[in-house]
Amino acid sequence: MPDRQHHGARFESLAVFATVVRSPAILRVQLAFLLFNTTELAAWIAILVYAYEQGGTTAAGLVAFAQLAPAVVFAPIGSALGDRIPRIRMLALAYAAYGLLTLLAATLLAADATPLVVYAAVVVSGLALTLVRPAHAAVLPTIARTPSELTAANVVSGTVENIGVLVGSVGGGMLLAANGPAGVFLVAGIGIL
């Protein structure tokens, strides 16, 4: 009996992914979300390593805090924008803003800019990050054709986010070792755009 339950659960999981794959709109949104999660984590690791190299654990901790604190304040304001702008446009704008600001950080890192200028660019890019997840969640109900598609899209979003964490950590670490923080930000910025 347990063997049958295991196979049934596996079949249900595959059915969820098949539902998403059959919807080109949902599949595109999920693939963009995968790229976003991958690049977000890779850039996060790269900037913390850069900050550590510049000023040790204190600098890395302050940069982490500086990235998160303004986002907490901006998130409610940013999510209110989502009610005024069509949701799919809001998602595209959030990705574009994050991608461009990530490329700006890559340029600053490559130009060996002052660390505070680099940190400022990364903090501003963090504000764009706060727009992505709410916009992603708001877009799914507008493109799903049925309740089962919406359910599948939400389930897959969680899986995509977890895959992005894994790929972003491993890929970002490998890229960081080979090309330094500027290389990670360059690839992340291009990847999200």
N, C-alpha and C. Protein backbone atom coordinates (compact mmCIF):
# COMPACT_ATOMS: atom_id res chain seq x y z
N MET A 1 0.80 -1.20 0.00
CA MET A 1 0.00 0.00 0.00
C MET A 1 0.85 1.27 0.00
N PRO A 2 1.89 1.38 0.85
CA PRO A 2 2.72 2.58 0.83
C PRO A 2 3.36 2.82 -0.55
N ASP A 3 3.69 1.71 -1.25
CA ASP A 3 4.29 1.85 -2.57
C ASP A 3 3.32 2.52 -3.54
N ARG A 4 2.06 2.16 -3.46
CA ARG A 4 1.03 2.74 -4.31
C ARG A 4 0.84 4.23 -4.01
N GLN A 5 0.88 4.59 -2.72
CA GLN A 5 0.75 5.99 -2.33
C GLN A 5 1.92 6.80 -2.85
N HIS A 6 3.12 6.23 -2.78
CA HIS A 6 4.31 6.92 -3.25
C HIS A 6 4.20 7.21 -4.75
N HIS A 7 3.76 6.20 -5.52
CA HIS A 7 3.61 6.38 -6.96
C HIS A 7 2.50 7.38 -7.28
N GLY A 8 1.45 7.36 -6.48
CA GLY A 8 0.35 8.31 -6.68
C GLY A 8 0.79 9.74 -6.45
N ALA A 9 1.58 9.96 -5.41
CA ALA A 9 2.08 11.30 -5.11
C ALA A 9 3.02 11.78 -6.21
N ARG A 10 3.84 10.88 -6.72
CA ARG A 10 4.76 11.24 -7.80
C ARG A 10 3.97 11.62 -9.05
N PHE A 11 2.91 10.87 -9.35
CA PHE A 11 2.08 11.16 -10.52
C PHE A 11 1.41 12.52 -10.36
N GLU A 12 0.93 12.83 -9.15
CA GLU A 12 0.30 14.13 -8.91
C GLU A 12 1.30 15.26 -9.10
N SER A 13 2.53 15.06 -8.64
CA SER A 13 3.55 16.09 -8.81
C SER A 13 3.84 16.32 -10.28
N LEU A 14 3.97 15.26 -11.04
CA LEU A 14 4.21 15.40 -12.47
C LEU A 14 3.03 16.08 -13.16
N ALA A 15 1.82 15.77 -12.72
CA ALA A 15 0.62 16.38 -13.30
C ALA A 15 0.61 17.89 -13.06
N VAL A 16 1.07 18.32 -11.89
CA VAL A 16 1.14 19.75 -11.58
C VAL A 16 2.08 20.44 -12.55
N PHE A 17 3.27 19.86 -12.75
CA PHE A 17 4.22 20.47 -13.67
C PHE A 17 3.71 20.42 -15.11
N ALA A 18 3.03 19.35 -15.49
CA ALA A 18 2.47 19.26 -16.84
C ALA A 18 1.43 20.35 -17.07
N THR A 19 0.66 20.67 -16.06
CA THR A 19 -0.33 21.74 -16.17
C THR A 19 0.35 23.07 -16.48
N VAL A 20 1.44 23.35 -15.82
CA VAL A 20 2.18 24.60 -16.05
C VAL A 20 2.80 24.60 -17.44
N VAL A 21 3.39 23.49 -17.84
CA VAL A 21 4.04 23.41 -19.15
C VAL A 21 3.02 23.60 -20.28
N ARG A 22 1.80 23.18 -20.08
CA ARG A 22 0.76 23.32 -21.11
C ARG A 22 0.27 24.76 -21.27
N SER A 23 0.60 25.63 -20.35
CA SER A 23 0.19 27.03 -20.44
C SER A 23 1.43 27.89 -20.77
N PRO A 24 1.56 28.32 -22.01
CA PRO A 24 2.74 29.11 -22.38
C PRO A 24 2.93 30.37 -21.51
N ALA A 25 1.84 31.03 -21.17
CA ALA A 25 1.95 32.26 -20.36
C ALA A 25 2.47 31.94 -18.96
N ILE A 26 1.93 30.93 -18.33
CA ILE A 26 2.38 30.56 -16.98
C ILE A 26 3.81 30.04 -17.03
N LEU A 27 4.13 29.27 -18.05
CA LEU A 27 5.49 28.74 -18.18
C LEU A 27 6.51 29.88 -18.31
N ARG A 28 6.20 30.89 -19.13
CA ARG A 28 7.11 32.04 -19.28
C ARG A 28 7.30 32.77 -17.95
N VAL A 29 6.21 32.98 -17.22
CA VAL A 29 6.29 33.66 -15.93
C VAL A 29 7.12 32.84 -14.95
N GLN A 30 6.96 31.54 -14.96
CA GLN A 30 7.72 30.67 -14.04
C GLN A 30 9.21 30.64 -14.41
N LEU A 31 9.52 30.61 -15.70
CA LEU A 31 10.92 30.62 -16.11
C LEU A 31 11.60 31.94 -15.73
N ALA A 32 10.86 33.04 -15.89
CA ALA A 32 11.40 34.34 -15.47
C ALA A 32 11.63 34.35 -13.96
N PHE A 33 10.71 33.76 -13.21
CA PHE A 33 10.84 33.70 -11.76
C PHE A 33 12.04 32.84 -11.35
N LEU A 34 12.29 31.79 -12.11
CA LEU A 34 13.46 30.94 -11.86
C LEU A 34 14.74 31.75 -12.07
N LEU A 35 14.82 32.46 -13.18
CA LEU A 35 16.01 33.30 -13.44
C LEU A 35 16.17 34.36 -12.36
N PHE A 36 15.07 34.97 -11.96
CA PHE A 36 15.13 35.98 -10.92
C PHE A 36 15.68 35.40 -9.62
N ASN A 37 15.14 34.28 -9.17
CA ASN A 37 15.59 33.69 -7.91
C ASN A 37 17.05 33.27 -7.98
N THR A 38 17.46 32.76 -9.13
CA THR A 38 18.85 32.34 -9.31
C THR A 38 19.78 33.55 -9.24
N THR A 39 19.45 34.60 -9.98
CA THR A 39 20.32 35.77 -10.02
C THR A 39 20.30 36.53 -8.69
N GLU A 40 19.15 36.57 -8.05
CA GLU A 40 19.05 37.27 -6.77
C GLU A 40 20.01 36.66 -5.75
N LEU A 41 20.00 35.36 -5.64
CA LEU A 41 20.85 34.71 -4.64
C LEU A 41 22.33 34.80 -5.02
N ALA A 42 22.64 34.63 -6.30
CA ALA A 42 24.03 34.75 -6.73
C ALA A 42 24.58 36.14 -6.42
N ALA A 43 23.79 37.18 -6.71
CA ALA A 43 24.22 38.55 -6.44
C ALA A 43 24.34 38.80 -4.93
N TRP A 44 23.42 38.25 -4.17
CA TRP A 44 23.45 38.40 -2.71
C TRP A 44 24.76 37.84 -2.15
N ILE A 45 25.11 36.65 -2.58
CA ILE A 45 26.35 36.02 -2.12
C ILE A 45 27.56 36.86 -2.56
N ALA A 46 27.53 37.31 -3.81
CA ALA A 46 28.67 38.07 -4.34
C ALA A 46 28.89 39.37 -3.58
N ILE A 47 27.82 40.09 -3.26
CA ILE A 47 28.01 41.37 -2.57
C ILE A 47 28.46 41.15 -1.13
N LEU A 48 27.99 40.09 -0.51
CA LEU A 48 28.44 39.82 0.86
C LEU A 48 29.91 39.40 0.89
N VAL A 49 30.35 38.64 -0.09
CA VAL A 49 31.76 38.28 -0.18
C VAL A 49 32.60 39.53 -0.45
N TYR A 50 32.12 40.38 -1.36
CA TYR A 50 32.82 41.65 -1.65
C TYR A 50 32.92 42.50 -0.38
N ALA A 51 31.82 42.64 0.33
CA ALA A 51 31.82 43.44 1.56
C ALA A 51 32.78 42.85 2.60
N TYR A 52 32.78 41.53 2.70
CA TYR A 52 33.70 40.88 3.63
C TYR A 52 35.15 41.18 3.26
N GLU A 53 35.46 41.13 1.97
CA GLU A 53 36.81 41.43 1.51
C GLU A 53 37.19 42.88 1.79
N GLN A 54 36.21 43.78 1.76
CA GLN A 54 36.47 45.20 1.98
C GLN A 54 36.60 45.54 3.46
N GLY A 55 35.82 44.89 4.32
CA GLY A 55 35.83 45.31 5.72
C GLY A 55 35.51 44.23 6.72
N GLY A 56 35.62 42.98 6.33
CA GLY A 56 35.41 41.88 7.27
C GLY A 56 33.94 41.62 7.58
N THR A 57 33.72 40.94 8.68
CA THR A 57 32.37 40.52 9.04
C THR A 57 31.46 41.71 9.35
N THR A 58 32.02 42.76 9.91
CA THR A 58 31.21 43.94 10.22
C THR A 58 30.65 44.55 8.94
N ALA A 59 31.51 44.72 7.94
CA ALA A 59 31.05 45.29 6.67
C ALA A 59 30.00 44.39 6.02
N ALA A 60 30.24 43.09 6.02
CA ALA A 60 29.26 42.16 5.42
C ALA A 60 27.92 42.24 6.14
N GLY A 61 27.96 42.30 7.45
CA GLY A 61 26.71 42.40 8.22
C GLY A 61 25.99 43.71 7.97
N LEU A 62 26.73 44.81 7.91
CA LEU A 62 26.11 46.11 7.65
C LEU A 62 25.50 46.18 6.25
N VAL A 63 26.19 45.59 5.28
CA VAL A 63 25.66 45.58 3.91
C VAL A 63 24.39 44.72 3.85
N ALA A 64 24.39 43.60 4.51
CA ALA A 64 23.19 42.76 4.54
C ALA A 64 22.03 43.53 5.15
N PHE A 65 22.28 44.19 6.26
CA PHE A 65 21.24 44.99 6.90
C PHE A 65 20.79 46.14 6.00
N ALA A 66 21.75 46.82 5.38
CA ALA A 66 21.42 47.96 4.51
C ALA A 66 20.58 47.54 3.32
N GLN A 67 20.75 46.32 2.86
CA GLN A 67 19.94 45.82 1.76
C GLN A 67 18.52 45.51 2.21
N LEU A 68 18.38 45.00 3.41
CA LEU A 68 17.07 44.55 3.87
C LEU A 68 16.23 45.67 4.50
N ALA A 69 16.84 46.56 5.25
CA ALA A 69 16.08 47.58 5.98
C ALA A 69 15.27 48.50 5.07
N PRO A 70 15.85 49.10 4.03
CA PRO A 70 15.04 49.98 3.18
C PRO A 70 13.93 49.21 2.46
N ALA A 71 14.20 47.96 2.14
CA ALA A 71 13.19 47.15 1.46
C ALA A 71 11.95 46.95 2.33
N VAL A 72 12.16 46.84 3.64
CA VAL A 72 11.03 46.68 4.56
C VAL A 72 10.13 47.92 4.52
N VAL A 73 10.74 49.09 4.43
CA VAL A 73 9.99 50.33 4.38
C VAL A 73 9.33 50.50 3.01
N PHE A 74 10.06 50.13 1.94
CA PHE A 74 9.58 50.35 0.58
C PHE A 74 8.52 49.35 0.14
N ALA A 75 8.53 48.15 0.70
CA ALA A 75 7.62 47.09 0.24
C ALA A 75 6.15 47.50 0.23
N PRO A 76 5.61 48.11 1.28
CA PRO A 76 4.19 48.50 1.21
C PRO A 76 3.92 49.57 0.14
N ILE A 77 4.85 50.49 -0.03
CA ILE A 77 4.70 51.53 -1.05
C ILE A 77 4.75 50.89 -2.43
N GLY A 78 5.73 50.02 -2.62
CA GLY A 78 5.88 49.34 -3.91
C GLY A 78 4.71 48.46 -4.26
N SER A 79 4.16 47.77 -3.27
CA SER A 79 3.03 46.90 -3.57
C SER A 79 1.78 47.70 -3.91
N ALA A 80 1.67 48.92 -3.39
CA ALA A 80 0.55 49.78 -3.75
C ALA A 80 0.63 50.19 -5.22
N LEU A 81 1.86 50.28 -5.75
CA LEU A 81 2.01 50.59 -7.18
C LEU A 81 1.37 49.50 -8.03
N GLY A 82 1.44 48.27 -7.54
CA GLY A 82 0.88 47.14 -8.28
C GLY A 82 -0.62 47.27 -8.51
N ASP A 83 -1.30 48.06 -7.69
CA ASP A 83 -2.72 48.26 -7.87
C ASP A 83 -3.02 49.35 -8.92
N ARG A 84 -2.01 50.14 -9.25
CA ARG A 84 -2.21 51.25 -10.19
C ARG A 84 -1.70 50.93 -11.59
N ILE A 85 -0.82 49.96 -11.68
CA ILE A 85 -0.20 49.58 -12.95
C ILE A 85 -0.66 48.16 -13.28
N PRO A 86 -0.97 47.88 -14.54
CA PRO A 86 -1.33 46.49 -14.88
C PRO A 86 -0.28 45.51 -14.35
N ARG A 87 -0.74 44.42 -13.80
CA ARG A 87 0.15 43.51 -13.07
C ARG A 87 1.30 42.96 -13.91
N ILE A 88 1.02 42.58 -15.13
CA ILE A 88 2.09 42.03 -15.97
C ILE A 88 3.12 43.10 -16.28
N ARG A 89 2.67 44.34 -16.45
CA ARG A 89 3.60 45.45 -16.69
C ARG A 89 4.43 45.71 -15.44
N MET A 90 3.79 45.64 -14.29
CA MET A 90 4.50 45.84 -13.03
C MET A 90 5.61 44.80 -12.85
N LEU A 91 5.30 43.56 -13.19
CA LEU A 91 6.29 42.50 -13.09
C LEU A 91 7.45 42.76 -14.05
N ALA A 92 7.13 43.14 -15.27
CA ALA A 92 8.18 43.44 -16.26
C ALA A 92 9.04 44.62 -15.81
N LEU A 93 8.40 45.65 -15.26
CA LEU A 93 9.16 46.82 -14.77
C LEU A 93 10.05 46.45 -13.59
N ALA A 94 9.55 45.61 -12.71
CA ALA A 94 10.35 45.19 -11.55
C ALA A 94 11.58 44.40 -12.01
N TYR A 95 11.38 43.48 -12.96
CA TYR A 95 12.52 42.73 -13.49
C TYR A 95 13.51 43.65 -14.19
N ALA A 96 13.00 44.58 -14.99
CA ALA A 96 13.88 45.50 -15.73
C ALA A 96 14.67 46.38 -14.77
N ALA A 97 14.00 46.91 -13.76
CA ALA A 97 14.69 47.77 -12.79
C ALA A 97 15.77 46.98 -12.07
N TYR A 98 15.44 45.78 -11.63
CA TYR A 98 16.43 44.95 -10.94
C TYR A 98 17.60 44.62 -11.87
N GLY A 99 17.30 44.25 -13.10
CA GLY A 99 18.35 43.91 -14.06
C GLY A 99 19.27 45.08 -14.35
N LEU A 100 18.70 46.26 -14.59
CA LEU A 100 19.52 47.44 -14.88
C LEU A 100 20.36 47.86 -13.68
N LEU A 101 19.77 47.82 -12.50
CA LEU A 101 20.52 48.18 -11.30
C LEU A 101 21.62 47.16 -10.99
N THR A 102 21.38 45.92 -11.33
CA THR A 102 22.40 44.89 -11.16
C THR A 102 23.56 45.13 -12.13
N LEU A 103 23.22 45.53 -13.37
CA LEU A 103 24.28 45.87 -14.33
C LEU A 103 25.05 47.11 -13.89
N LEU A 104 24.36 48.05 -13.28
CA LEU A 104 25.04 49.23 -12.74
C LEU A 104 26.05 48.80 -11.67
N ALA A 105 25.63 47.91 -10.78
CA ALA A 105 26.54 47.41 -9.74
C ALA A 105 27.72 46.68 -10.37
N ALA A 106 27.47 45.91 -11.43
CA ALA A 106 28.57 45.21 -12.13
C ALA A 106 29.56 46.22 -12.69
N THR A 107 29.04 47.29 -13.29
CA THR A 107 29.91 48.33 -13.85
C THR A 107 30.74 48.99 -12.76
N LEU A 108 30.09 49.32 -11.65
CA LEU A 108 30.80 49.95 -10.53
C LEU A 108 31.88 49.03 -9.96
N LEU A 109 31.55 47.76 -9.84
CA LEU A 109 32.54 46.80 -9.34
C LEU A 109 33.71 46.66 -10.30
N ALA A 110 33.41 46.58 -11.60
CA ALA A 110 34.47 46.44 -12.60
C ALA A 110 35.35 47.69 -12.66
N ALA A 111 34.75 48.86 -12.42
CA ALA A 111 35.49 50.12 -12.45
C ALA A 111 36.23 50.38 -11.13
N ASP A 112 36.12 49.46 -10.20
CA ASP A 112 36.74 49.58 -8.88
C ASP A 112 36.28 50.85 -8.16
N ALA A 113 34.98 51.10 -8.21
CA ALA A 113 34.39 52.26 -7.54
C ALA A 113 34.53 52.11 -6.03
N THR A 114 34.36 53.20 -5.35
CA THR A 114 34.39 53.21 -3.89
C THR A 114 33.34 52.23 -3.36
N PRO A 115 33.69 51.42 -2.36
CA PRO A 115 32.71 50.45 -1.85
C PRO A 115 31.36 51.07 -1.47
N LEU A 116 31.36 52.26 -0.89
CA LEU A 116 30.07 52.86 -0.50
C LEU A 116 29.18 53.13 -1.71
N VAL A 117 29.77 53.47 -2.84
CA VAL A 117 28.99 53.69 -4.07
C VAL A 117 28.43 52.35 -4.55
N VAL A 118 29.24 51.31 -4.50
CA VAL A 118 28.77 49.97 -4.88
C VAL A 118 27.62 49.54 -3.97
N TYR A 119 27.80 49.74 -2.66
CA TYR A 119 26.75 49.35 -1.71
C TYR A 119 25.46 50.13 -1.97
N ALA A 120 25.58 51.41 -2.30
CA ALA A 120 24.38 52.22 -2.57
C ALA A 120 23.62 51.66 -3.77
N ALA A 121 24.34 51.27 -4.81
CA ALA A 121 23.68 50.70 -6.00
C ALA A 121 22.98 49.39 -5.65
N VAL A 122 23.63 48.60 -4.82
CA VAL A 122 23.04 47.31 -4.44
C VAL A 122 21.81 47.52 -3.55
N VAL A 123 21.87 48.50 -2.67
CA VAL A 123 20.72 48.79 -1.81
C VAL A 123 19.53 49.24 -2.65
N VAL A 124 19.77 50.09 -3.64
CA VAL A 124 18.69 50.54 -4.52
C VAL A 124 18.14 49.37 -5.33
N SER A 125 19.01 48.47 -5.78
CA SER A 125 18.51 47.30 -6.51
C SER A 125 17.66 46.43 -5.61
N GLY A 126 17.96 46.44 -4.31
CA GLY A 126 17.14 45.69 -3.34
C GLY A 126 15.72 46.21 -3.27
N LEU A 127 15.55 47.51 -3.53
CA LEU A 127 14.19 48.06 -3.56
C LEU A 127 13.40 47.47 -4.72
N ALA A 128 14.05 47.29 -5.86
CA ALA A 128 13.38 46.67 -7.01
C ALA A 128 13.00 45.22 -6.70
N LEU A 129 13.84 44.56 -5.91
CA LEU A 129 13.56 43.17 -5.52
C LEU A 129 12.23 43.05 -4.79
N THR A 130 11.90 44.07 -3.98
CA THR A 130 10.68 43.98 -3.18
C THR A 130 9.43 43.99 -4.05
N LEU A 131 9.57 44.41 -5.29
CA LEU A 131 8.41 44.47 -6.18
C LEU A 131 8.14 43.13 -6.88
N VAL A 132 9.17 42.31 -7.03
CA VAL A 132 9.05 41.13 -7.87
C VAL A 132 8.08 40.09 -7.31
N ARG A 133 8.27 39.67 -6.09
CA ARG A 133 7.43 38.58 -5.56
C ARG A 133 5.95 38.95 -5.51
N PRO A 134 5.58 40.14 -5.00
CA PRO A 134 4.16 40.48 -5.02
C PRO A 134 3.59 40.57 -6.44
N ALA A 135 4.40 41.12 -7.36
CA ALA A 135 3.94 41.22 -8.75
C ALA A 135 3.78 39.83 -9.37
N HIS A 136 4.71 38.95 -9.07
CA HIS A 136 4.63 37.57 -9.58
C HIS A 136 3.35 36.90 -9.07
N ALA A 137 3.12 37.02 -7.77
CA ALA A 137 1.92 36.41 -7.19
C ALA A 137 0.64 37.02 -7.74
N ALA A 138 0.67 38.31 -8.04
CA ALA A 138 -0.53 38.98 -8.56
C ALA A 138 -0.78 38.64 -10.02
N VAL A 139 0.27 38.33 -10.76
CA VAL A 139 0.12 38.01 -12.19
C VAL A 139 -0.52 36.64 -12.38
N LEU A 140 -0.17 35.69 -11.55
CA LEU A 140 -0.63 34.31 -11.76
C LEU A 140 -2.16 34.20 -11.89
N PRO A 141 -2.96 34.82 -11.03
CA PRO A 141 -4.41 34.69 -11.20
C PRO A 141 -4.93 35.34 -12.49
N THR A 142 -4.19 36.31 -13.02
CA THR A 142 -4.66 36.97 -14.23
C THR A 142 -4.37 36.17 -15.49
N ILE A 143 -3.41 35.24 -15.43
CA ILE A 143 -3.09 34.46 -16.63
C ILE A 143 -3.55 33.01 -16.55
N ALA A 144 -3.90 32.56 -15.35
CA ALA A 144 -4.42 31.20 -15.21
C ALA A 144 -5.83 31.14 -15.79
N ARG A 145 -6.10 30.09 -16.56
CA ARG A 145 -7.42 29.95 -17.19
C ARG A 145 -8.40 29.18 -16.33
N THR A 146 -7.88 28.41 -15.38
CA THR A 146 -8.75 27.60 -14.53
C THR A 146 -8.19 27.62 -13.10
N PRO A 147 -9.03 27.27 -12.13
CA PRO A 147 -8.52 27.17 -10.76
C PRO A 147 -7.39 26.13 -10.63
N SER A 148 -7.46 25.04 -11.37
CA SER A 148 -6.40 24.04 -11.27
C SER A 148 -5.09 24.57 -11.85
N GLU A 149 -5.17 25.41 -12.89
CA GLU A 149 -3.94 26.04 -13.41
C GLU A 149 -3.33 26.98 -12.38
N LEU A 150 -4.17 27.74 -11.71
CA LEU A 150 -3.68 28.66 -10.69
C LEU A 150 -3.04 27.89 -9.53
N THR A 151 -3.68 26.82 -9.11
CA THR A 151 -3.12 26.00 -8.04
C THR A 151 -1.76 25.44 -8.46
N ALA A 152 -1.70 24.91 -9.68
CA ALA A 152 -0.44 24.36 -10.19
C ALA A 152 0.63 25.44 -10.28
N ALA A 153 0.25 26.61 -10.74
CA ALA A 153 1.21 27.72 -10.87
C ALA A 153 1.77 28.11 -9.50
N ASN A 154 0.93 28.15 -8.50
CA ASN A 154 1.39 28.50 -7.15
C ASN A 154 2.31 27.42 -6.58
N VAL A 155 1.98 26.17 -6.81
CA VAL A 155 2.83 25.07 -6.33
C VAL A 155 4.19 25.13 -7.02
N VAL A 156 4.16 25.33 -8.33
CA VAL A 156 5.41 25.37 -9.10
C VAL A 156 6.24 26.59 -8.70
N SER A 157 5.60 27.69 -8.35
CA SER A 157 6.35 28.88 -7.91
C SER A 157 7.23 28.56 -6.71
N GLY A 158 6.71 27.81 -5.76
CA GLY A 158 7.50 27.42 -4.59
C GLY A 158 8.68 26.54 -4.98
N THR A 159 8.43 25.59 -5.87
CA THR A 159 9.50 24.71 -6.32
C THR A 159 10.56 25.49 -7.09
N VAL A 160 10.10 26.39 -7.96
CA VAL A 160 11.01 27.22 -8.75
C VAL A 160 11.89 28.07 -7.84
N GLU A 161 11.30 28.62 -6.80
CA GLU A 161 12.07 29.44 -5.87
C GLU A 161 13.16 28.60 -5.19
N ASN A 162 12.83 27.39 -4.80
CA ASN A 162 13.82 26.51 -4.16
C ASN A 162 14.92 26.10 -5.13
N ILE A 163 14.56 25.81 -6.36
CA ILE A 163 15.56 25.47 -7.37
C ILE A 163 16.48 26.67 -7.60
N GLY A 164 15.89 27.86 -7.65
CA GLY A 164 16.68 29.08 -7.84
C GLY A 164 17.69 29.28 -6.72
N VAL A 165 17.30 28.96 -5.50
CA VAL A 165 18.22 29.07 -4.36
C VAL A 165 19.40 28.12 -4.55
N LEU A 166 19.13 26.91 -4.96
CA LEU A 166 20.20 25.93 -5.16
C LEU A 166 21.11 26.35 -6.31
N VAL A 167 20.51 26.64 -7.45
CA VAL A 167 21.30 26.99 -8.64
C VAL A 167 22.04 28.31 -8.42
N GLY A 168 21.38 29.27 -7.80
CA GLY A 168 22.02 30.55 -7.53
C GLY A 168 23.21 30.42 -6.59
N SER A 169 23.07 29.57 -5.58
CA SER A 169 24.17 29.37 -4.63
C SER A 169 25.36 28.70 -5.30
N VAL A 170 25.10 27.60 -5.97
CA VAL A 170 26.18 26.83 -6.60
C VAL A 170 26.76 27.61 -7.78
N GLY A 171 25.88 28.05 -8.69
CA GLY A 171 26.35 28.77 -9.87
C GLY A 171 27.01 30.08 -9.51
N GLY A 172 26.39 30.81 -8.57
CA GLY A 172 26.98 32.08 -8.14
C GLY A 172 28.34 31.88 -7.49
N GLY A 173 28.48 30.84 -6.68
CA GLY A 173 29.77 30.55 -6.06
C GLY A 173 30.84 30.21 -7.08
N MET A 174 30.47 29.42 -8.08
CA MET A 174 31.43 29.06 -9.12
C MET A 174 31.82 30.29 -9.94
N LEU A 175 30.83 31.10 -10.28
CA LEU A 175 31.08 32.32 -11.04
C LEU A 175 31.92 33.30 -10.23
N LEU A 176 31.64 33.40 -8.95
CA LEU A 176 32.40 34.27 -8.06
C LEU A 176 33.87 33.84 -8.00
N ALA A 177 34.09 32.55 -7.89
CA ALA A 177 35.47 32.04 -7.82
C ALA A 177 36.21 32.30 -9.13
N ALA A 178 35.51 32.21 -10.25
CA ALA A 178 36.16 32.37 -11.55
C ALA A 178 36.30 33.83 -11.99
N ASN A 179 35.29 34.67 -11.66
CA ASN A 179 35.26 36.02 -12.23
C ASN A 179 35.09 37.14 -11.22
N GLY A 180 34.98 36.81 -9.95
CA GLY A 180 34.82 37.84 -8.93
C GLY A 180 33.41 38.41 -8.90
N PRO A 181 33.16 39.32 -7.96
CA PRO A 181 31.82 39.89 -7.80
C PRO A 181 31.30 40.60 -9.05
N ALA A 182 32.16 41.31 -9.75
CA ALA A 182 31.71 42.02 -10.96
C ALA A 182 31.16 41.03 -11.99
N GLY A 183 31.81 39.88 -12.13
CA GLY A 183 31.36 38.86 -13.08
C GLY A 183 30.00 38.31 -12.70
N VAL A 184 29.78 38.10 -11.41
CA VAL A 184 28.49 37.59 -10.94
C VAL A 184 27.39 38.61 -11.24
N PHE A 185 27.65 39.88 -10.93
CA PHE A 185 26.64 40.91 -11.18
C PHE A 185 26.39 41.09 -12.67
N LEU A 186 27.41 40.97 -13.48
CA LEU A 186 27.23 41.09 -14.93
C LEU A 186 26.32 39.98 -15.46
N VAL A 187 26.64 38.76 -15.10
CA VAL A 187 25.83 37.62 -15.55
C VAL A 187 24.40 37.73 -14.99
N ALA A 188 24.28 38.12 -13.73
CA ALA A 188 22.95 38.25 -13.11
C ALA A 188 22.14 39.33 -13.82
N GLY A 189 22.74 40.46 -14.11
CA GLY A 189 22.02 41.55 -14.77
C GLY A 189 21.57 41.15 -16.17
N ILE A 190 22.46 40.53 -16.92
CA ILE A 190 22.10 40.07 -18.27
C ILE A 190 21.05 38.98 -18.18
N GLY A 191 21.20 38.08 -17.23
CA GLY A 191 20.26 36.97 -17.09
C GLY A 191 18.84 37.41 -16.79
N ILE A 192 18.69 38.45 -15.98
CA ILE A 192 17.35 38.88 -15.60
C ILE A 192 16.71 39.75 -16.68
N LEU A 193 17.54 40.40 -17.48
CA LEU A 193 16.97 41.22 -18.56
C LEU A 193 16.62 40.32 -19.72
